[in-house]
Amino acid sequence: MLLCLARDPNVRLRDVASAVGITERATQRILADLVDAGYVRRVRIGRRNQYEVDRGHAMRHTAQAGQEIGALIDLLGDAGQPDTA
């Protein structure tokens, strides 16, 4: 979900749900958790939301202590993106 938001800050949650393979309601709950934990900032622009992933936020699992989520996003890069060539 973080990858979807990092790739397109203007993405609709319906599209995130479809890409991730979960329900829209589950996507809303996960997003609320990410916002509450400080991983994502949600900004209302007109009738739409824009999402900003805090790439400097540390991962919370003890196995990744001290690692920032930005490094993971960079590592995964365009994984899963359709080939446009």
N, C-alpha and C. Protein backbone atom coordinates (compact mmCIF):
# COMPACT_ATOMS: atom_id res chain seq x y z
N MET A 1 0.82 -1.17 0.00
CA MET A 1 0.00 0.00 0.00
C MET A 1 0.87 1.25 0.00
N LEU A 2 1.95 1.22 0.77
CA LEU A 2 2.86 2.37 0.78
C LEU A 2 3.46 2.61 -0.60
N LEU A 3 3.76 1.54 -1.32
CA LEU A 3 4.30 1.70 -2.67
C LEU A 3 3.30 2.40 -3.59
N CYS A 4 2.05 2.02 -3.50
CA CYS A 4 1.01 2.64 -4.32
C CYS A 4 0.93 4.14 -4.02
N LEU A 5 0.95 4.49 -2.75
CA LEU A 5 0.84 5.89 -2.36
C LEU A 5 2.10 6.67 -2.73
N ALA A 6 3.27 6.03 -2.63
CA ALA A 6 4.52 6.69 -2.99
C ALA A 6 4.60 6.93 -4.49
N ARG A 7 4.10 5.98 -5.28
CA ARG A 7 4.14 6.11 -6.74
C ARG A 7 3.20 7.19 -7.25
N ASP A 8 2.02 7.30 -6.63
CA ASP A 8 1.01 8.26 -7.10
C ASP A 8 0.29 8.88 -5.90
N PRO A 9 0.74 10.05 -5.46
CA PRO A 9 0.12 10.69 -4.29
C PRO A 9 -1.36 11.03 -4.49
N ASN A 10 -1.84 11.05 -5.71
CA ASN A 10 -3.23 11.39 -6.01
C ASN A 10 -4.10 10.17 -6.26
N VAL A 11 -3.59 8.98 -5.99
CA VAL A 11 -4.31 7.75 -6.27
C VAL A 11 -5.60 7.66 -5.45
N ARG A 12 -6.63 7.07 -6.05
CA ARG A 12 -7.89 6.83 -5.32
C ARG A 12 -7.75 5.54 -4.53
N LEU A 13 -8.36 5.50 -3.35
CA LEU A 13 -8.27 4.31 -2.52
C LEU A 13 -8.89 3.10 -3.22
N ARG A 14 -9.87 3.32 -4.06
CA ARG A 14 -10.46 2.23 -4.83
C ARG A 14 -9.39 1.58 -5.71
N ASP A 15 -8.52 2.40 -6.30
CA ASP A 15 -7.47 1.88 -7.16
C ASP A 15 -6.38 1.18 -6.34
N VAL A 16 -6.09 1.70 -5.15
CA VAL A 16 -5.12 1.04 -4.26
C VAL A 16 -5.67 -0.33 -3.87
N ALA A 17 -6.92 -0.40 -3.48
CA ALA A 17 -7.54 -1.67 -3.09
C ALA A 17 -7.44 -2.69 -4.21
N SER A 18 -7.72 -2.26 -5.42
CA SER A 18 -7.65 -3.15 -6.57
C SER A 18 -6.22 -3.64 -6.82
N ALA A 19 -5.26 -2.72 -6.72
CA ALA A 19 -3.86 -3.07 -6.97
C ALA A 19 -3.32 -4.03 -5.90
N VAL A 20 -3.73 -3.83 -4.67
CA VAL A 20 -3.23 -4.64 -3.56
C VAL A 20 -4.01 -5.95 -3.44
N GLY A 21 -5.25 -5.94 -3.90
CA GLY A 21 -6.07 -7.15 -3.85
C GLY A 21 -6.84 -7.31 -2.55
N ILE A 22 -7.24 -6.18 -1.97
CA ILE A 22 -8.04 -6.20 -0.75
C ILE A 22 -9.27 -5.32 -0.96
N THR A 23 -10.18 -5.35 0.00
CA THR A 23 -11.39 -4.55 -0.13
C THR A 23 -11.08 -3.07 0.10
N GLU A 24 -11.96 -2.24 -0.41
CA GLU A 24 -11.80 -0.80 -0.21
C GLU A 24 -11.89 -0.45 1.27
N ARG A 25 -12.75 -1.14 1.99
CA ARG A 25 -12.90 -0.89 3.43
C ARG A 25 -11.61 -1.24 4.17
N ALA A 26 -10.99 -2.35 3.82
CA ALA A 26 -9.72 -2.74 4.44
C ALA A 26 -8.64 -1.71 4.13
N THR A 27 -8.66 -1.20 2.90
CA THR A 27 -7.71 -0.17 2.49
C THR A 27 -7.89 1.08 3.35
N GLN A 28 -9.12 1.46 3.61
CA GLN A 28 -9.39 2.63 4.44
C GLN A 28 -8.85 2.43 5.86
N ARG A 29 -9.04 1.24 6.41
CA ARG A 29 -8.55 0.94 7.77
C ARG A 29 -7.03 0.98 7.82
N ILE A 30 -6.39 0.38 6.84
CA ILE A 30 -4.92 0.36 6.80
C ILE A 30 -4.40 1.78 6.65
N LEU A 31 -5.01 2.56 5.77
CA LEU A 31 -4.57 3.94 5.58
C LEU A 31 -4.73 4.73 6.88
N ALA A 32 -5.83 4.56 7.58
CA ALA A 32 -6.04 5.25 8.86
C ALA A 32 -4.94 4.88 9.85
N ASP A 33 -4.56 3.61 9.88
CA ASP A 33 -3.47 3.17 10.77
C ASP A 33 -2.14 3.81 10.36
N LEU A 34 -1.88 3.87 9.06
CA LEU A 34 -0.64 4.48 8.57
C LEU A 34 -0.59 5.97 8.88
N VAL A 35 -1.71 6.66 8.74
CA VAL A 35 -1.79 8.08 9.07
C VAL A 35 -1.58 8.28 10.57
N ASP A 36 -2.27 7.49 11.38
CA ASP A 36 -2.14 7.60 12.84
C ASP A 36 -0.71 7.34 13.31
N ALA A 37 -0.02 6.41 12.64
CA ALA A 37 1.35 6.06 13.03
C ALA A 37 2.39 7.03 12.46
N GLY A 38 1.96 7.95 11.58
CA GLY A 38 2.88 8.94 11.04
C GLY A 38 3.60 8.54 9.77
N TYR A 39 3.24 7.41 9.19
CA TYR A 39 3.88 6.97 7.95
C TYR A 39 3.37 7.73 6.73
N VAL A 40 2.13 8.19 6.80
CA VAL A 40 1.49 8.86 5.67
C VAL A 40 0.79 10.11 6.18
N ARG A 41 0.88 11.18 5.38
CA ARG A 41 0.10 12.39 5.65
C ARG A 41 -0.96 12.50 4.57
N ARG A 42 -2.16 12.83 5.00
CA ARG A 42 -3.29 12.97 4.08
C ARG A 42 -3.64 14.46 4.02
N VAL A 43 -3.70 14.99 2.79
CA VAL A 43 -4.04 16.40 2.60
C VAL A 43 -5.27 16.46 1.70
N ARG A 44 -6.26 17.18 2.16
CA ARG A 44 -7.49 17.34 1.38
C ARG A 44 -7.29 18.47 0.38
N ILE A 45 -7.50 18.17 -0.91
CA ILE A 45 -7.40 19.17 -1.97
C ILE A 45 -8.71 19.12 -2.73
N GLY A 46 -9.57 20.10 -2.47
CA GLY A 46 -10.90 20.07 -3.07
C GLY A 46 -11.67 18.88 -2.56
N ARG A 47 -12.15 18.06 -3.48
CA ARG A 47 -12.91 16.86 -3.11
C ARG A 47 -12.05 15.61 -3.04
N ARG A 48 -10.77 15.74 -3.32
CA ARG A 48 -9.86 14.58 -3.36
C ARG A 48 -8.84 14.66 -2.24
N ASN A 49 -8.23 13.56 -1.96
CA ASN A 49 -7.13 13.49 -1.00
C ASN A 49 -5.83 13.31 -1.75
N GLN A 50 -4.78 13.85 -1.18
CA GLN A 50 -3.43 13.62 -1.68
C GLN A 50 -2.64 13.02 -0.53
N TYR A 51 -1.80 12.07 -0.83
CA TYR A 51 -1.08 11.33 0.20
C TYR A 51 0.42 11.56 0.05
N GLU A 52 1.07 11.77 1.19
CA GLU A 52 2.52 11.95 1.19
C GLU A 52 3.11 10.93 2.16
N VAL A 53 3.94 10.05 1.64
CA VAL A 53 4.60 9.04 2.45
C VAL A 53 5.82 9.69 3.11
N ASP A 54 5.94 9.57 4.42
CA ASP A 54 7.09 10.09 5.15
C ASP A 54 8.22 9.08 5.01
N ARG A 55 9.05 9.30 4.01
CA ARG A 55 10.11 8.36 3.67
C ARG A 55 11.17 8.25 4.77
N GLY A 56 11.23 9.23 5.66
CA GLY A 56 12.20 9.20 6.74
C GLY A 56 11.71 8.50 8.00
N HIS A 57 10.47 8.07 7.96
CA HIS A 57 9.88 7.40 9.13
C HIS A 57 10.51 6.02 9.29
N ALA A 58 10.87 5.67 10.51
CA ALA A 58 11.52 4.38 10.77
C ALA A 58 10.50 3.25 10.72
N MET A 59 10.95 2.09 10.24
CA MET A 59 10.10 0.90 10.28
C MET A 59 9.90 0.51 11.73
N ARG A 60 8.75 -0.07 12.04
CA ARG A 60 8.46 -0.33 13.45
C ARG A 60 8.77 -1.74 13.92
N HIS A 61 8.99 -2.67 13.02
CA HIS A 61 9.31 -4.03 13.44
C HIS A 61 10.75 -4.07 13.96
N THR A 62 10.97 -4.82 15.03
CA THR A 62 12.30 -4.87 15.64
C THR A 62 13.37 -5.40 14.69
N ALA A 63 13.01 -6.24 13.73
CA ALA A 63 13.98 -6.77 12.78
C ALA A 63 14.52 -5.69 11.84
N GLN A 64 13.76 -4.60 11.68
CA GLN A 64 14.19 -3.50 10.81
C GLN A 64 14.51 -2.24 11.61
N ALA A 65 14.81 -2.39 12.87
CA ALA A 65 15.06 -1.23 13.74
C ALA A 65 16.11 -0.30 13.12
N GLY A 66 15.78 0.96 13.07
CA GLY A 66 16.70 1.96 12.54
C GLY A 66 16.64 2.16 11.04
N GLN A 67 15.89 1.33 10.34
CA GLN A 67 15.77 1.44 8.89
C GLN A 67 14.58 2.34 8.54
N GLU A 68 14.76 3.19 7.54
CA GLU A 68 13.68 4.08 7.10
C GLU A 68 12.89 3.43 5.97
N ILE A 69 11.60 3.75 5.91
CA ILE A 69 10.76 3.15 4.87
C ILE A 69 11.13 3.65 3.48
N GLY A 70 11.75 4.81 3.40
CA GLY A 70 12.19 5.32 2.10
C GLY A 70 13.18 4.38 1.43
N ALA A 71 14.05 3.76 2.22
CA ALA A 71 15.01 2.80 1.67
C ALA A 71 14.30 1.59 1.08
N LEU A 72 13.26 1.13 1.74
CA LEU A 72 12.48 0.00 1.23
C LEU A 72 11.77 0.37 -0.07
N ILE A 73 11.19 1.55 -0.10
CA ILE A 73 10.50 2.01 -1.31
C ILE A 73 11.49 2.13 -2.46
N ASP A 74 12.68 2.66 -2.18
CA ASP A 74 13.71 2.76 -3.22
C ASP A 74 14.16 1.38 -3.69
N LEU A 75 14.29 0.45 -2.76
CA LEU A 75 14.72 -0.90 -3.10
C LEU A 75 13.72 -1.59 -4.01
N LEU A 76 12.45 -1.43 -3.70
CA LEU A 76 11.41 -2.06 -4.50
C LEU A 76 11.17 -1.33 -5.80
N GLY A 77 11.45 -0.02 -5.80
CA GLY A 77 11.37 0.78 -7.02
C GLY A 77 10.10 0.57 -7.80
N ASP A 78 10.23 0.16 -9.02
CA ASP A 78 9.11 0.00 -9.91
C ASP A 78 8.61 -1.44 -9.94
N ALA A 79 8.93 -2.22 -8.92
CA ALA A 79 8.47 -3.61 -8.88
C ALA A 79 6.95 -3.66 -8.99
N GLY A 80 6.49 -4.48 -9.85
CA GLY A 80 5.05 -4.65 -10.00
C GLY A 80 4.40 -3.65 -10.95
N GLN A 81 5.18 -2.72 -11.48
CA GLN A 81 4.64 -1.76 -12.43
C GLN A 81 4.52 -2.41 -13.80
N PRO A 82 3.46 -2.11 -14.52
CA PRO A 82 3.34 -2.71 -15.86
C PRO A 82 4.46 -2.22 -16.78
N ASP A 83 4.91 -3.11 -17.65
CA ASP A 83 5.97 -2.76 -18.60
C ASP A 83 5.36 -1.90 -19.71
N THR A 84 5.87 -0.67 -19.85
CA THR A 84 5.33 0.26 -20.85
C THR A 84 6.11 0.23 -22.14
N ALA A 85 7.16 -0.61 -22.21
CA ALA A 85 7.98 -0.64 -23.43
C ALA A 85 7.36 -1.50 -24.49
